[in-house]
Amino acid sequence: MKDYPIEIFNEGSLKFEEGTILQIADFVRSSINTDFEVFIGWLNIIILKTDEHTLLNARHLGHDYPTDILTFEYDEEVVMNGEIYINEEVMVENALEFGVEVDNELVRLIVHGVLHLAGLDDHTVEEKNFMTRNEEKYLKLIGTKGFM
């Protein structure tokens, strides 16, 4: 099977342990591929400042306001490739609100984005609850694997 890369493009000002984040993202992608019987191939994780992130949100979704994450999928024959755009400032605000480290919130957003690529939505209460349960499941797995 072809090796599909994961890359991080940090356009924000915060610094992260990129090697660890890449290992976590690869673990999450592999686990979700197995659990949801999908095949997510290459994955780009892009961290942006709010202005750039909001511009993407407005341009592609017609929403002229900040959000924490945007996920774009690129289907090929069998492989689902994708990009996860994370808003650095909203990520920091979320971390403060939830009482967690910024690194932990980054990981939660990566899990959230990969779940979107696997086909999960969070528009209705039921979808949000299902998404949250799955986020918690994978975050717990990440913890038990010793990543965090």
N, C-alpha and C. Protein backbone atom coordinates (compact mmCIF):
# COMPACT_ATOMS: atom_id res chain seq x y z
N MET A 1 0.85 -1.18 0.00
CA MET A 1 0.00 0.00 0.00
C MET A 1 0.89 1.24 0.00
N LYS A 2 0.50 2.22 -0.78
CA LYS A 2 1.24 3.47 -0.90
C LYS A 2 1.28 4.20 0.44
N ASP A 3 2.39 4.85 0.72
CA ASP A 3 2.54 5.63 1.95
C ASP A 3 1.97 7.02 1.71
N TYR A 4 0.97 7.40 2.48
CA TYR A 4 0.32 8.70 2.34
C TYR A 4 0.82 9.63 3.43
N PRO A 5 1.39 10.76 3.05
CA PRO A 5 2.00 11.66 4.04
C PRO A 5 0.97 12.47 4.83
N ILE A 6 1.42 12.89 5.98
CA ILE A 6 0.73 13.90 6.77
C ILE A 6 1.72 15.04 6.93
N GLU A 7 1.27 16.25 6.63
CA GLU A 7 2.15 17.40 6.77
C GLU A 7 1.46 18.47 7.60
N ILE A 8 2.28 19.20 8.35
CA ILE A 8 1.79 20.32 9.15
C ILE A 8 2.38 21.60 8.58
N PHE A 9 1.52 22.58 8.37
CA PHE A 9 1.94 23.90 7.93
C PHE A 9 1.49 24.88 9.00
N ASN A 10 2.42 25.32 9.82
CA ASN A 10 2.10 26.21 10.93
C ASN A 10 2.34 27.65 10.50
N GLU A 11 1.26 28.33 10.12
CA GLU A 11 1.34 29.73 9.72
C GLU A 11 1.03 30.65 10.90
N GLY A 12 0.81 30.06 12.07
CA GLY A 12 0.53 30.83 13.27
C GLY A 12 1.82 31.16 14.00
N SER A 13 1.67 31.69 15.21
CA SER A 13 2.84 32.10 15.98
C SER A 13 3.21 31.10 17.08
N LEU A 14 2.32 30.18 17.41
CA LEU A 14 2.60 29.20 18.45
C LEU A 14 3.49 28.08 17.91
N LYS A 15 4.31 27.54 18.77
CA LYS A 15 5.20 26.43 18.39
C LYS A 15 4.68 25.14 19.02
N PHE A 16 4.78 24.06 18.26
CA PHE A 16 4.33 22.75 18.71
C PHE A 16 5.41 21.73 18.44
N GLU A 17 5.37 20.64 19.17
CA GLU A 17 6.28 19.52 18.93
C GLU A 17 5.77 18.77 17.71
N GLU A 18 6.26 19.17 16.53
CA GLU A 18 5.72 18.68 15.27
C GLU A 18 5.80 17.16 15.15
N GLY A 19 6.89 16.56 15.58
CA GLY A 19 7.03 15.10 15.48
C GLY A 19 5.94 14.37 16.24
N THR A 20 5.65 14.82 17.44
CA THR A 20 4.60 14.20 18.25
C THR A 20 3.24 14.40 17.61
N ILE A 21 2.97 15.62 17.13
CA ILE A 21 1.68 15.90 16.50
C ILE A 21 1.51 15.03 15.25
N LEU A 22 2.56 14.85 14.48
CA LEU A 22 2.49 13.98 13.29
C LEU A 22 2.21 12.53 13.68
N GLN A 23 2.86 12.04 14.74
CA GLN A 23 2.61 10.67 15.20
C GLN A 23 1.16 10.50 15.64
N ILE A 24 0.65 11.49 16.38
CA ILE A 24 -0.73 11.43 16.84
C ILE A 24 -1.68 11.45 15.65
N ALA A 25 -1.45 12.35 14.71
CA ALA A 25 -2.32 12.45 13.53
C ALA A 25 -2.31 11.15 12.73
N ASP A 26 -1.15 10.52 12.60
CA ASP A 26 -1.06 9.26 11.88
C ASP A 26 -1.82 8.16 12.61
N PHE A 27 -1.67 8.11 13.94
CA PHE A 27 -2.39 7.13 14.75
C PHE A 27 -3.90 7.32 14.61
N VAL A 28 -4.35 8.58 14.70
CA VAL A 28 -5.78 8.88 14.60
C VAL A 28 -6.30 8.49 13.21
N ARG A 29 -5.57 8.88 12.17
CA ARG A 29 -6.00 8.55 10.80
C ARG A 29 -6.12 7.03 10.64
N SER A 30 -5.12 6.30 11.09
CA SER A 30 -5.13 4.84 10.97
C SER A 30 -6.29 4.22 11.74
N SER A 31 -6.52 4.69 12.97
CA SER A 31 -7.60 4.15 13.80
C SER A 31 -8.97 4.43 13.19
N ILE A 32 -9.16 5.66 12.71
CA ILE A 32 -10.45 6.02 12.12
C ILE A 32 -10.65 5.29 10.79
N ASN A 33 -9.58 5.13 10.01
CA ASN A 33 -9.70 4.34 8.78
C ASN A 33 -10.24 2.95 9.08
N THR A 34 -9.71 2.33 10.13
CA THR A 34 -10.14 0.98 10.50
C THR A 34 -11.56 0.98 11.05
N ASP A 35 -11.84 1.88 11.99
CA ASP A 35 -13.14 1.88 12.67
C ASP A 35 -14.29 2.26 11.75
N PHE A 36 -14.06 3.19 10.84
CA PHE A 36 -15.13 3.69 9.98
C PHE A 36 -15.08 3.10 8.57
N GLU A 37 -14.15 2.17 8.35
CA GLU A 37 -14.00 1.51 7.05
C GLU A 37 -13.92 2.53 5.91
N VAL A 38 -13.04 3.51 6.12
CA VAL A 38 -12.76 4.52 5.10
C VAL A 38 -11.27 4.45 4.81
N PHE A 39 -10.82 5.19 3.82
CA PHE A 39 -9.39 5.27 3.60
C PHE A 39 -9.01 6.72 3.38
N ILE A 40 -8.55 7.34 4.45
CA ILE A 40 -8.05 8.71 4.38
C ILE A 40 -6.58 8.60 4.05
N GLY A 41 -6.19 9.20 2.94
CA GLY A 41 -4.81 9.14 2.48
C GLY A 41 -4.00 10.31 2.99
N TRP A 42 -3.53 11.15 2.06
CA TRP A 42 -2.70 12.27 2.51
C TRP A 42 -3.55 13.26 3.29
N LEU A 43 -2.90 13.91 4.22
CA LEU A 43 -3.58 14.82 5.12
C LEU A 43 -2.67 16.00 5.40
N ASN A 44 -3.20 17.19 5.17
CA ASN A 44 -2.49 18.42 5.52
C ASN A 44 -3.20 19.07 6.69
N ILE A 45 -2.42 19.48 7.67
CA ILE A 45 -2.94 20.21 8.83
C ILE A 45 -2.34 21.60 8.76
N ILE A 46 -3.19 22.61 8.60
CA ILE A 46 -2.73 23.97 8.41
C ILE A 46 -3.24 24.82 9.56
N ILE A 47 -2.33 25.46 10.27
CA ILE A 47 -2.70 26.34 11.38
C ILE A 47 -2.56 27.77 10.89
N LEU A 48 -3.66 28.52 10.97
CA LEU A 48 -3.71 29.88 10.45
C LEU A 48 -4.11 30.88 11.52
N LYS A 49 -3.80 32.13 11.29
CA LYS A 49 -4.31 33.24 12.09
C LYS A 49 -5.79 33.43 11.76
N THR A 50 -6.51 34.09 12.65
CA THR A 50 -7.96 34.25 12.51
C THR A 50 -8.36 34.92 11.20
N ASP A 51 -7.68 35.99 10.81
CA ASP A 51 -8.08 36.71 9.59
C ASP A 51 -8.05 35.80 8.36
N GLU A 52 -6.97 35.06 8.20
CA GLU A 52 -6.85 34.14 7.05
C GLU A 52 -7.89 33.02 7.12
N HIS A 53 -8.08 32.49 8.33
CA HIS A 53 -9.02 31.38 8.53
C HIS A 53 -10.45 31.84 8.24
N THR A 54 -10.81 33.03 8.72
CA THR A 54 -12.15 33.57 8.50
C THR A 54 -12.38 33.85 7.02
N LEU A 55 -11.35 34.30 6.33
CA LEU A 55 -11.45 34.53 4.89
C LEU A 55 -11.75 33.22 4.16
N LEU A 56 -11.08 32.14 4.54
CA LEU A 56 -11.38 30.82 3.96
C LEU A 56 -12.82 30.41 4.24
N ASN A 57 -13.27 30.63 5.47
CA ASN A 57 -14.62 30.28 5.88
C ASN A 57 -15.64 31.03 5.01
N ALA A 58 -15.39 32.33 4.81
CA ALA A 58 -16.30 33.14 3.99
C ALA A 58 -16.25 32.72 2.52
N ARG A 59 -15.05 32.52 2.01
CA ARG A 59 -14.88 32.20 0.59
C ARG A 59 -15.48 30.84 0.23
N HIS A 60 -15.26 29.83 1.08
CA HIS A 60 -15.67 28.47 0.72
C HIS A 60 -17.02 28.05 1.28
N LEU A 61 -17.41 28.62 2.42
CA LEU A 61 -18.67 28.19 3.04
C LEU A 61 -19.69 29.32 3.16
N GLY A 62 -19.28 30.55 2.81
CA GLY A 62 -20.20 31.68 2.90
C GLY A 62 -20.47 32.13 4.32
N HIS A 63 -19.61 31.76 5.26
CA HIS A 63 -19.76 32.14 6.68
C HIS A 63 -18.70 33.18 7.01
N ASP A 64 -19.12 34.41 7.21
CA ASP A 64 -18.16 35.49 7.47
C ASP A 64 -17.95 35.69 8.97
N TYR A 65 -17.47 34.64 9.62
CA TYR A 65 -17.17 34.70 11.05
C TYR A 65 -16.11 33.66 11.37
N PRO A 66 -15.41 33.85 12.49
CA PRO A 66 -14.37 32.88 12.87
C PRO A 66 -14.98 31.57 13.36
N THR A 67 -14.27 30.50 13.13
CA THR A 67 -14.61 29.18 13.65
C THR A 67 -13.30 28.49 13.99
N ASP A 68 -13.37 27.38 14.70
CA ASP A 68 -12.13 26.74 15.13
C ASP A 68 -11.48 25.89 14.05
N ILE A 69 -12.29 25.27 13.19
CA ILE A 69 -11.74 24.32 12.23
C ILE A 69 -12.56 24.31 10.95
N LEU A 70 -11.86 24.16 9.84
CA LEU A 70 -12.48 23.93 8.53
C LEU A 70 -11.83 22.67 7.97
N THR A 71 -12.64 21.80 7.41
CA THR A 71 -12.12 20.56 6.84
C THR A 71 -12.55 20.46 5.39
N PHE A 72 -11.60 20.22 4.51
CA PHE A 72 -11.89 20.06 3.09
C PHE A 72 -11.41 18.69 2.65
N GLU A 73 -12.27 17.98 1.95
CA GLU A 73 -11.91 16.65 1.49
C GLU A 73 -11.73 16.67 -0.02
N TYR A 74 -10.84 15.82 -0.47
CA TYR A 74 -10.53 15.69 -1.88
C TYR A 74 -10.60 14.21 -2.23
N ASP A 75 -11.72 13.81 -2.80
CA ASP A 75 -11.93 12.39 -3.14
C ASP A 75 -11.13 12.01 -4.37
N GLU A 76 -10.52 10.86 -4.28
CA GLU A 76 -9.96 10.21 -5.45
C GLU A 76 -10.70 8.89 -5.57
N GLU A 77 -10.29 8.03 -6.44
CA GLU A 77 -11.00 6.77 -6.69
C GLU A 77 -11.37 6.04 -5.40
N VAL A 78 -10.40 5.71 -4.61
CA VAL A 78 -10.64 4.92 -3.40
C VAL A 78 -10.21 5.69 -2.16
N VAL A 79 -9.37 6.67 -2.34
CA VAL A 79 -8.73 7.36 -1.23
C VAL A 79 -9.40 8.71 -0.98
N MET A 80 -9.62 9.02 0.29
CA MET A 80 -10.12 10.32 0.71
C MET A 80 -8.93 11.10 1.24
N ASN A 81 -8.56 12.16 0.55
CA ASN A 81 -7.49 13.03 1.02
C ASN A 81 -8.12 14.27 1.62
N GLY A 82 -7.38 14.97 2.46
CA GLY A 82 -8.01 16.13 3.07
C GLY A 82 -7.06 17.13 3.67
N GLU A 83 -7.64 18.29 3.94
CA GLU A 83 -6.93 19.37 4.61
C GLU A 83 -7.77 19.83 5.79
N ILE A 84 -7.09 20.04 6.90
CA ILE A 84 -7.72 20.53 8.11
C ILE A 84 -7.10 21.89 8.41
N TYR A 85 -7.92 22.94 8.38
CA TYR A 85 -7.46 24.29 8.68
C TYR A 85 -7.89 24.64 10.09
N ILE A 86 -6.92 24.95 10.94
CA ILE A 86 -7.19 25.24 12.35
C ILE A 86 -6.92 26.71 12.62
N ASN A 87 -7.87 27.36 13.27
CA ASN A 87 -7.75 28.76 13.63
C ASN A 87 -6.99 28.85 14.95
N GLU A 88 -5.78 29.39 14.89
CA GLU A 88 -4.91 29.42 16.07
C GLU A 88 -5.54 30.17 17.24
N GLU A 89 -6.10 31.34 17.00
CA GLU A 89 -6.66 32.13 18.10
C GLU A 89 -7.86 31.45 18.74
N VAL A 90 -8.75 30.89 17.92
CA VAL A 90 -9.92 30.19 18.47
C VAL A 90 -9.47 28.94 19.22
N MET A 91 -8.43 28.27 18.73
CA MET A 91 -7.89 27.10 19.42
C MET A 91 -7.41 27.50 20.82
N VAL A 92 -6.72 28.63 20.93
CA VAL A 92 -6.24 29.10 22.24
C VAL A 92 -7.42 29.46 23.14
N GLU A 93 -8.44 30.14 22.58
CA GLU A 93 -9.64 30.48 23.36
C GLU A 93 -10.33 29.21 23.86
N ASN A 94 -10.46 28.21 22.98
CA ASN A 94 -11.07 26.94 23.38
C ASN A 94 -10.29 26.29 24.52
N ALA A 95 -8.97 26.29 24.41
CA ALA A 95 -8.14 25.68 25.46
C ALA A 95 -8.39 26.36 26.80
N LEU A 96 -8.46 27.68 26.79
CA LEU A 96 -8.74 28.41 28.03
C LEU A 96 -10.12 28.07 28.56
N GLU A 97 -11.11 28.05 27.66
CA GLU A 97 -12.48 27.76 28.06
C GLU A 97 -12.62 26.35 28.64
N PHE A 98 -11.95 25.37 28.02
CA PHE A 98 -12.06 23.98 28.46
C PHE A 98 -11.06 23.63 29.56
N GLY A 99 -10.14 24.56 29.89
CA GLY A 99 -9.16 24.31 30.93
C GLY A 99 -8.13 23.26 30.56
N VAL A 100 -7.70 23.25 29.29
CA VAL A 100 -6.70 22.29 28.83
C VAL A 100 -5.52 23.03 28.22
N GLU A 101 -4.42 22.31 28.03
CA GLU A 101 -3.26 22.88 27.35
C GLU A 101 -3.59 23.09 25.87
N VAL A 102 -2.94 24.07 25.26
CA VAL A 102 -3.17 24.35 23.84
C VAL A 102 -2.84 23.12 22.99
N ASP A 103 -1.77 22.40 23.34
CA ASP A 103 -1.42 21.18 22.60
C ASP A 103 -2.56 20.16 22.62
N ASN A 104 -3.23 20.04 23.77
CA ASN A 104 -4.35 19.10 23.88
C ASN A 104 -5.52 19.54 22.99
N GLU A 105 -5.77 20.84 22.94
CA GLU A 105 -6.84 21.34 22.09
C GLU A 105 -6.49 21.14 20.62
N LEU A 106 -5.23 21.31 20.25
CA LEU A 106 -4.79 21.04 18.88
C LEU A 106 -5.08 19.59 18.52
N VAL A 107 -4.77 18.68 19.40
CA VAL A 107 -5.02 17.26 19.14
C VAL A 107 -6.51 17.00 19.01
N ARG A 108 -7.33 17.61 19.87
CA ARG A 108 -8.78 17.43 19.77
C ARG A 108 -9.29 17.91 18.41
N LEU A 109 -8.77 19.05 17.96
CA LEU A 109 -9.21 19.58 16.67
C LEU A 109 -8.76 18.68 15.51
N ILE A 110 -7.58 18.10 15.62
CA ILE A 110 -7.14 17.16 14.59
C ILE A 110 -8.07 15.94 14.56
N VAL A 111 -8.39 15.40 15.72
CA VAL A 111 -9.33 14.27 15.79
C VAL A 111 -10.66 14.68 15.17
N HIS A 112 -11.15 15.86 15.53
CA HIS A 112 -12.42 16.36 15.01
C HIS A 112 -12.38 16.45 13.48
N GLY A 113 -11.28 16.99 12.95
CA GLY A 113 -11.15 17.13 11.51
C GLY A 113 -11.09 15.80 10.79
N VAL A 114 -10.35 14.85 11.34
CA VAL A 114 -10.26 13.53 10.70
C VAL A 114 -11.62 12.83 10.75
N LEU A 115 -12.36 13.03 11.83
CA LEU A 115 -13.72 12.46 11.89
C LEU A 115 -14.61 13.07 10.81
N HIS A 116 -14.46 14.37 10.56
CA HIS A 116 -15.20 14.98 9.45
C HIS A 116 -14.83 14.32 8.13
N LEU A 117 -13.54 14.08 7.92
CA LEU A 117 -13.10 13.43 6.68
C LEU A 117 -13.68 12.02 6.55
N ALA A 118 -13.91 11.37 7.69
CA ALA A 118 -14.49 10.02 7.69
C ALA A 118 -16.00 10.05 7.45
N GLY A 119 -16.58 11.26 7.38
CA GLY A 119 -18.00 11.37 7.06
C GLY A 119 -18.89 11.84 8.19
N LEU A 120 -18.34 12.09 9.37
CA LEU A 120 -19.16 12.55 10.48
C LEU A 120 -19.45 14.04 10.33
N ASP A 121 -20.67 14.44 10.70
CA ASP A 121 -21.06 15.84 10.71
C ASP A 121 -21.42 16.23 12.13
N ASP A 122 -21.62 17.53 12.33
CA ASP A 122 -22.01 18.02 13.65
C ASP A 122 -23.01 19.16 13.53
N HIS A 123 -23.98 19.00 12.63
CA HIS A 123 -24.98 20.04 12.41
C HIS A 123 -26.16 19.91 13.36
N THR A 124 -26.57 18.69 13.68
CA THR A 124 -27.71 18.47 14.57
C THR A 124 -27.21 18.08 15.96
N VAL A 125 -28.11 18.09 16.92
CA VAL A 125 -27.75 17.69 18.29
C VAL A 125 -27.26 16.25 18.30
N GLU A 126 -27.95 15.37 17.57
CA GLU A 126 -27.56 13.96 17.53
C GLU A 126 -26.17 13.80 16.91
N GLU A 127 -25.93 14.53 15.81
CA GLU A 127 -24.62 14.45 15.16
C GLU A 127 -23.52 14.99 16.07
N LYS A 128 -23.81 16.10 16.76
CA LYS A 128 -22.82 16.67 17.69
C LYS A 128 -22.49 15.69 18.81
N ASN A 129 -23.52 15.06 19.35
CA ASN A 129 -23.30 14.08 20.42
C ASN A 129 -22.47 12.90 19.93
N PHE A 130 -22.76 12.40 18.72
CA PHE A 130 -22.00 11.29 18.15
C PHE A 130 -20.56 11.72 17.90
N MET A 131 -20.37 12.93 17.39
CA MET A 131 -19.03 13.46 17.15
C MET A 131 -18.26 13.56 18.47
N THR A 132 -18.90 14.11 19.50
CA THR A 132 -18.23 14.28 20.79
C THR A 132 -17.85 12.94 21.39
N ARG A 133 -18.74 11.96 21.32
CA ARG A 133 -18.42 10.62 21.85
C ARG A 133 -17.20 10.04 21.13
N ASN A 134 -17.14 10.22 19.83
CA ASN A 134 -16.00 9.70 19.07
C ASN A 134 -14.73 10.48 19.36
N GLU A 135 -14.83 11.80 19.50
CA GLU A 135 -13.65 12.59 19.90
C GLU A 135 -13.09 12.05 21.21
N GLU A 136 -13.98 11.87 22.18
CA GLU A 136 -13.54 11.40 23.50
C GLU A 136 -12.91 10.01 23.41
N LYS A 137 -13.47 9.15 22.57
CA LYS A 137 -12.93 7.80 22.39
C LYS A 137 -11.49 7.87 21.88
N TYR A 138 -11.25 8.66 20.84
CA TYR A 138 -9.91 8.72 20.25
C TYR A 138 -8.94 9.48 21.14
N LEU A 139 -9.42 10.50 21.84
CA LEU A 139 -8.53 11.21 22.78
C LEU A 139 -8.09 10.27 23.90
N LYS A 140 -9.01 9.43 24.36
CA LYS A 140 -8.65 8.45 25.39
C LYS A 140 -7.63 7.45 24.85
N LEU A 141 -7.83 6.98 23.62
CA LEU A 141 -6.86 6.06 22.99
C LEU A 141 -5.49 6.70 22.88
N ILE A 142 -5.46 7.97 22.49
CA ILE A 142 -4.19 8.69 22.37
C ILE A 142 -3.49 8.73 23.72
N GLY A 143 -4.26 8.98 24.77
CA GLY A 143 -3.69 9.00 26.12
C GLY A 143 -3.16 7.65 26.55
N THR A 144 -3.90 6.58 26.24
CA THR A 144 -3.45 5.25 26.66
C THR A 144 -2.24 4.79 25.86
N LYS A 145 -2.05 5.33 24.67
CA LYS A 145 -0.87 4.98 23.86
C LYS A 145 0.36 5.77 24.29
N GLY A 146 0.17 6.69 25.24
CA GLY A 146 1.31 7.42 25.78
C GLY A 146 1.75 8.62 24.97
N PHE A 147 0.92 9.05 24.01
CA PHE A 147 1.29 10.22 23.22
C PHE A 147 1.23 11.50 24.04
N MET A 148 0.29 11.54 24.99
CA MET A 148 0.10 12.78 25.76
C MET A 148 0.00 12.46 27.23
